[in-house]
Amino acid sequence: MSPSKMSGKYRFVFAKSFLLLFWQCAFTTISIYLSLSETGVIWVIGQLLLGINMLQWFFILHDLAHQSLFRNQTINAIFGHVASIFCIVPYYPWLYIHNAHHKWTGWKEKDPTIPEIKVEDLTRFQRNLIDFCWKYWIPIFAVNYTSQTFFNIKKLFKLFPKNDLKLKNTFSIFWIIAVFITLIMTIGPLNLLKIWGLSFLVYIFISDPLLISQHTHLDYNELDKQALKPVPYIDQPLFTRSVKYPSFIEQFFFYNFPKHGLHHQFPWVPIYHLSKLQEPKENTIFWTKWLKIAKEMPGHILIFKSTKDSGVKL
């Protein structure tokens, strides 16, 4: 049976997609309410919950960009821009770059999510900074990557030069900026910091190793050995990594997002169906094992080099 037929029954269900978003909005409301508390313990609980909530909004944004939660593009765009406020990733730049990433996974020359800078181009200061932050758990990587990729107007205009795409990308970026300017003007910077400060740190602290684990330190195709053409979805686990967590955490906290090789095989399957499919064996590793090996490596080697370069299999 073909991959598309095998996963055909796992297409979106409107009721499930609606309930997922309803729950997420309710969870957001509860987290913000607790974060407004003057009681320290309750405020901390609210911040921890809101940090997890921000991460989950990113997972939802991810699926909305794949059009896997709803068929209607307008609905996807509306909720995508709501999600972007919480995860600070602009919807249309994410949609266009991420879908190009799925098309060109395995080809660092074509995949727009691969950093343009090479390890040889890094200054000593940059290498030391990357190594220091990775070793001591300072979460700079997701923020830096997001700013350099999804908020980079110059890069976006170069990748997607059509006027309508330029307009959409620009709107999504300024939508986030406008929302936060409005919040600062209405509730004040201190109240915004109270609600957003610690929770955002929780969000990026969790997301840094999670996102780094999925595509770094893997081997890629080589242009001089093979013709440049898209790798079929079913074969893409060769160029992705799935990091396994306890099933409860994976399903209810991470919304099956760590099943990354499986997602690359079936990008049209929504997150609430993904666990029903059999995971590929390629590049699957338990999270504690991955973290132990990864943390023993210098950050610049982990991020900018491959297994062929280092000899380290992750």
Protein backbone atom coordinates (compact mmCIF):
# COMPACT_ATOMS: atom_id res chain seq x y z
CA MET A 1 0.00 0.00 0.00
CA SER A 2 1.33 3.46 -0.89
CA PRO A 3 2.21 5.93 1.91
CA SER A 4 -0.61 8.29 0.92
CA LYS A 5 -3.21 5.48 1.01
CA MET A 6 -1.81 4.11 4.28
CA SER A 7 -2.23 7.49 5.97
CA GLY A 8 -5.34 8.53 4.04
CA LYS A 9 -7.73 7.71 6.87
CA TYR A 10 -5.72 9.97 9.17
CA ARG A 11 -6.70 13.22 7.50
CA PHE A 12 -8.06 16.07 9.58
CA VAL A 13 -11.32 15.83 11.52
CA PHE A 14 -12.96 19.24 11.92
CA ALA A 15 -14.34 18.47 15.38
CA LYS A 16 -10.92 17.32 16.66
CA SER A 17 -9.17 20.35 15.20
CA PHE A 18 -11.79 22.68 16.69
CA LEU A 19 -11.55 21.02 20.12
CA LEU A 20 -7.75 21.25 20.03
CA LEU A 21 -7.92 25.01 19.40
CA PHE A 22 -10.71 25.46 21.95
CA TRP A 23 -8.62 23.70 24.59
CA GLN A 24 -5.55 25.70 23.66
CA CYS A 25 -7.41 28.99 24.02
CA ALA A 26 -8.81 27.84 27.38
CA PHE A 27 -5.35 26.75 28.55
CA THR A 28 -3.98 30.14 27.48
CA THR A 29 -6.67 31.98 29.42
CA ILE A 30 -6.02 29.94 32.58
CA SER A 31 -2.24 30.43 32.28
CA ILE A 32 -2.54 34.21 31.85
CA TYR A 33 -5.06 34.45 34.70
CA LEU A 34 -2.65 32.65 37.06
CA SER A 35 0.23 34.80 35.78
CA LEU A 36 -1.66 37.93 36.90
CA SER A 37 -1.75 36.70 40.50
CA GLU A 38 -0.01 38.67 43.23
CA THR A 39 0.77 35.41 45.05
CA GLY A 40 4.28 34.31 44.14
CA VAL A 41 3.67 30.55 43.98
CA ILE A 42 0.54 30.94 41.85
CA TRP A 43 2.36 33.39 39.55
CA VAL A 44 5.23 30.93 39.05
CA ILE A 45 2.78 28.11 38.25
CA GLY A 46 1.03 30.39 35.75
CA GLN A 47 4.35 31.26 34.13
CA LEU A 48 5.40 27.62 33.81
CA LEU A 49 2.04 26.75 32.27
CA LEU A 50 2.16 29.72 29.90
CA GLY A 51 5.68 28.75 28.80
CA ILE A 52 4.42 25.27 27.89
CA ASN A 53 1.40 26.90 26.27
CA MET A 54 3.64 29.06 24.05
CA LEU A 55 5.48 25.95 22.90
CA GLN A 56 2.19 24.24 22.09
CA TRP A 57 1.03 27.24 20.08
CA PHE A 58 4.19 26.76 18.01
CA PHE A 59 3.24 23.14 17.39
CA ILE A 60 -0.23 24.28 16.31
CA LEU A 61 1.28 26.97 14.06
CA HIS A 62 3.38 24.22 12.52
CA ASP A 63 0.31 22.17 11.60
CA LEU A 64 -1.71 25.17 10.44
CA ALA A 65 1.04 25.96 7.94
CA HIS A 66 0.72 22.42 6.59
CA GLN A 67 -3.03 22.98 6.18
CA SER A 68 -3.48 19.74 8.13
CA LEU A 69 -5.87 21.03 10.81
CA PHE A 70 -8.33 22.71 8.45
CA ARG A 71 -8.84 22.66 4.69
CA ASN A 72 -9.83 26.31 4.57
CA GLN A 73 -6.76 28.53 4.07
CA THR A 74 -8.47 31.54 5.64
CA ILE A 75 -9.16 29.64 8.87
CA ASN A 76 -5.57 28.39 8.92
CA ALA A 77 -4.27 31.94 8.41
CA ILE A 78 -6.49 33.45 11.13
CA PHE A 79 -5.52 30.92 13.77
CA GLY A 80 -1.95 30.94 12.48
CA HIS A 81 -1.69 34.65 13.25
CA VAL A 82 -3.24 34.07 16.69
CA ALA A 83 -0.65 31.34 17.36
CA SER A 84 2.15 33.61 16.13
CA ILE A 85 1.49 36.08 18.96
CA PHE A 86 2.33 33.43 21.56
CA CYS A 87 5.21 31.61 19.87
CA ILE A 88 6.66 34.77 18.23
CA VAL A 89 7.03 33.11 14.82
CA PRO A 90 5.34 34.99 11.94
CA TYR A 91 2.78 32.84 10.15
CA TYR A 92 3.40 33.42 6.43
CA PRO A 93 7.23 33.38 6.60
CA TRP A 94 6.94 30.13 8.57
CA LEU A 95 4.46 28.70 6.03
CA TYR A 96 6.58 29.43 2.97
CA ILE A 97 9.99 28.57 4.44
CA HIS A 98 8.80 25.46 6.24
CA ASN A 99 7.08 24.02 3.19
CA ALA A 100 10.20 24.70 1.13
CA HIS A 101 12.14 22.89 3.84
CA HIS A 102 9.93 19.82 3.43
CA LYS A 103 10.44 19.90 -0.33
CA TRP A 104 14.23 20.18 -0.09
CA THR A 105 15.01 18.19 3.06
CA GLY A 106 18.36 16.48 2.53
CA TRP A 107 19.83 19.23 0.35
CA LYS A 108 21.65 21.90 2.32
CA GLU A 109 22.12 23.91 -0.86
CA LYS A 110 18.34 24.27 -1.33
CA ASP A 111 16.82 23.91 2.13
CA PRO A 112 16.11 27.49 3.35
CA THR A 113 16.17 26.38 7.00
CA ILE A 114 19.86 25.48 6.83
CA PRO A 115 22.03 28.37 8.14
CA GLU A 116 23.76 30.17 5.29
CA ILE A 117 26.89 30.74 7.37
CA LYS A 118 29.37 27.84 7.41
CA VAL A 119 31.51 26.76 10.34
CA GLU A 120 34.59 28.10 8.53
CA ASP A 121 33.00 31.55 8.44
CA LEU A 122 32.52 31.73 12.21
CA THR A 123 34.86 34.01 14.09
CA ARG A 124 36.59 32.73 17.21
CA PHE A 125 34.25 34.88 19.30
CA GLN A 126 31.18 33.34 17.60
CA ARG A 127 32.46 29.81 18.14
CA ASN A 128 33.23 30.47 21.79
CA LEU A 129 29.83 32.12 22.32
CA ILE A 130 27.98 29.20 20.71
CA ASP A 131 29.98 26.66 22.70
CA PHE A 132 29.50 28.54 25.98
CA CYS A 133 25.75 28.98 25.55
CA TRP A 134 25.22 25.36 24.51
CA LYS A 135 27.32 24.00 27.38
CA TYR A 136 25.66 26.14 30.05
CA TRP A 137 22.06 25.88 28.79
CA ILE A 138 21.72 29.52 27.75
CA PRO A 139 18.81 29.46 25.28
CA ILE A 140 19.93 31.76 22.48
CA PHE A 141 19.61 29.43 19.52
CA ALA A 142 15.87 29.37 18.77
CA VAL A 143 15.61 33.16 19.19
CA ASN A 144 18.62 33.81 16.98
CA TYR A 145 17.45 31.34 14.34
CA THR A 146 13.93 32.78 14.29
CA SER A 147 15.17 36.35 13.91
CA GLN A 148 17.66 35.40 11.19
CA THR A 149 15.16 33.29 9.24
CA PHE A 150 11.54 34.31 9.78
CA PHE A 151 11.98 38.02 10.61
CA ASN A 152 14.64 38.58 7.95
CA ILE A 153 12.81 40.69 5.37
CA LYS A 154 15.78 40.77 3.00
CA LYS A 155 16.07 36.98 2.98
CA LEU A 156 12.32 36.51 2.63
CA PHE A 157 12.08 38.89 -0.33
CA LYS A 158 14.95 37.08 -2.02
CA LEU A 159 13.41 33.63 -1.49
CA PHE A 160 9.84 34.69 -2.33
CA PRO A 161 10.04 37.68 -4.73
CA LYS A 162 6.39 37.74 -5.87
CA ASN A 163 4.59 40.86 -4.71
CA ASP A 164 1.70 39.02 -3.05
CA LEU A 165 4.13 36.87 -1.04
CA LYS A 166 6.15 39.94 -0.05
CA LEU A 167 2.96 41.57 1.21
CA LYS A 168 1.90 38.50 3.21
CA ASN A 169 5.34 38.01 4.76
CA THR A 170 5.55 41.67 5.72
CA PHE A 171 2.05 41.64 7.21
CA SER A 172 2.79 38.61 9.41
CA ILE A 173 5.94 40.24 10.82
CA PHE A 174 4.34 43.60 11.51
CA TRP A 175 1.25 41.92 12.94
CA ILE A 176 3.36 40.55 15.83
CA ILE A 177 5.13 43.89 16.29
CA ALA A 178 1.82 45.79 16.27
CA VAL A 179 0.23 43.46 18.83
CA PHE A 180 3.10 43.89 21.29
CA ILE A 181 3.23 47.66 20.82
CA THR A 182 -0.51 47.74 21.54
CA LEU A 183 -0.03 45.59 24.67
CA ILE A 184 2.75 47.87 25.93
CA MET A 185 0.56 50.93 25.39
CA THR A 186 -2.55 49.43 27.02
CA ILE A 187 -1.29 47.37 29.98
CA GLY A 188 2.20 48.87 30.33
CA PRO A 189 5.65 47.34 29.94
CA LEU A 190 5.89 46.08 33.54
CA ASN A 191 2.61 44.17 33.35
CA LEU A 192 3.61 42.73 29.99
CA LEU A 193 6.94 41.64 31.48
CA LYS A 194 5.10 40.07 34.43
CA ILE A 195 2.95 38.01 32.09
CA TRP A 196 5.48 37.32 29.35
CA GLY A 197 8.95 37.42 30.92
CA LEU A 198 9.52 34.15 32.77
CA SER A 199 7.07 32.24 30.56
CA PHE A 200 9.03 33.20 27.44
CA LEU A 201 12.25 31.99 29.08
CA VAL A 202 10.55 28.67 29.86
CA TYR A 203 9.41 28.46 26.24
CA ILE A 204 12.83 29.03 24.70
CA PHE A 205 14.58 26.92 27.34
CA ILE A 206 12.50 23.88 26.31
CA SER A 207 12.44 24.66 22.59
CA ASP A 208 16.20 25.13 22.14
CA PRO A 209 17.31 21.47 22.53
CA LEU A 210 14.04 20.19 21.05
CA LEU A 211 14.47 22.12 17.79
CA ILE A 212 18.24 21.58 17.60
CA SER A 213 17.72 17.83 17.88
CA GLN A 214 15.64 17.49 14.72
CA HIS A 215 18.04 18.32 11.91
CA THR A 216 21.48 19.17 13.28
CA HIS A 217 24.48 16.88 12.95
CA LEU A 218 23.02 14.73 10.21
CA ASP A 219 24.57 13.88 6.85
CA TYR A 220 23.20 15.45 3.68
CA ASN A 221 23.20 14.59 0.00
CA GLU A 222 26.23 15.73 -1.96
CA LEU A 223 25.78 17.66 -5.20
CA ASP A 224 28.78 16.14 -6.93
CA LYS A 225 27.47 12.61 -6.37
CA GLN A 226 23.75 12.88 -7.03
CA ALA A 227 21.34 14.87 -9.14
CA LEU A 228 19.58 17.61 -7.21
CA LYS A 229 15.93 16.62 -6.92
CA PRO A 230 13.47 16.51 -4.01
CA VAL A 231 13.77 13.49 -1.72
CA PRO A 232 10.44 11.58 -1.57
CA TYR A 233 8.64 12.15 1.72
CA ILE A 234 8.81 8.47 2.64
CA ASP A 235 12.64 8.56 2.50
CA GLN A 236 13.16 11.78 4.45
CA PRO A 237 13.77 10.16 7.89
CA LEU A 238 17.33 9.65 6.60
CA PHE A 239 17.76 13.42 6.97
CA THR A 240 15.67 14.03 10.09
CA ARG A 241 15.84 12.89 13.71
CA SER A 242 13.06 11.75 16.03
CA VAL A 243 13.86 12.17 19.71
CA LYS A 244 11.63 9.97 21.87
CA TYR A 245 10.12 11.11 25.16
CA PRO A 246 7.81 9.28 27.58
CA SER A 247 4.55 8.78 25.70
CA PHE A 248 2.46 10.97 28.02
CA ILE A 249 4.85 13.93 27.64
CA GLU A 250 5.21 13.35 23.92
CA GLN A 251 1.48 13.27 23.31
CA PHE A 252 0.02 15.78 25.79
CA PHE A 253 2.86 18.27 26.27
CA PHE A 254 4.62 18.11 22.90
CA TYR A 255 1.59 17.23 20.72
CA ASN A 256 3.65 14.52 18.96
CA PHE A 257 6.01 17.15 17.55
CA PRO A 258 9.16 15.10 18.39
CA LYS A 259 7.98 12.40 15.94
CA HIS A 260 9.84 14.35 13.33
CA GLY A 261 10.86 11.60 10.94
CA LEU A 262 7.27 10.37 10.88
CA HIS A 263 6.03 13.90 10.27
CA HIS A 264 8.36 14.26 7.29
CA GLN A 265 6.97 11.05 5.84
CA PHE A 266 3.37 12.23 6.28
CA PRO A 267 3.33 16.04 6.55
CA TRP A 268 -0.41 16.16 5.81
CA VAL A 269 -1.32 14.08 8.90
CA PRO A 270 -2.46 16.31 11.84
CA ILE A 271 -0.66 16.07 15.17
CA TYR A 272 -3.58 14.30 16.89
CA HIS A 273 -3.32 11.37 14.42
CA LEU A 274 0.46 11.10 14.15
CA SER A 275 0.93 8.58 16.98
CA LYS A 276 -1.34 6.12 15.13
CA LEU A 277 1.28 5.62 12.42
CA GLN A 278 4.36 3.44 12.73
CA GLU A 279 7.52 5.42 13.35
CA PRO A 280 10.56 4.93 11.11
CA LYS A 281 13.62 3.31 12.68
CA GLU A 282 16.11 5.71 11.06
CA ASN A 283 17.64 8.35 13.33
CA THR A 284 15.39 7.63 16.31
CA ILE A 285 16.95 8.13 19.74
CA PHE A 286 15.71 8.54 23.31
CA TRP A 287 15.95 12.11 24.56
CA THR A 288 18.30 11.46 27.49
CA LYS A 289 20.77 9.64 25.24
CA TRP A 290 20.64 12.37 22.61
CA LEU A 291 21.09 15.09 25.20
CA LYS A 292 24.05 13.35 26.86
CA ILE A 293 25.94 12.92 23.59
CA ALA A 294 24.97 16.37 22.27
CA LYS A 295 26.02 18.18 25.44
CA GLU A 296 29.44 16.50 25.29
CA MET A 297 30.05 18.12 21.89
CA PRO A 298 31.05 21.76 21.32
CA GLY A 299 27.99 23.68 20.18
CA HIS A 300 29.50 24.87 16.90
CA ILE A 301 30.41 21.28 15.96
CA LEU A 302 26.94 19.99 16.83
CA ILE A 303 25.14 22.67 14.83
CA PHE A 304 27.39 23.29 11.85
CA LYS A 305 29.02 19.92 11.19
CA SER A 306 27.74 16.45 10.30
CA THR A 307 28.39 12.88 11.37
CA LYS A 308 30.78 12.52 8.44
CA ASP A 309 32.84 15.42 9.81
CA SER A 310 32.90 14.46 13.50
CA GLY A 311 32.39 10.70 13.47
CA VAL A 312 29.78 11.14 16.22
CA LYS A 313 26.49 9.33 15.57
CA LEU A 314 23.45 10.89 17.21
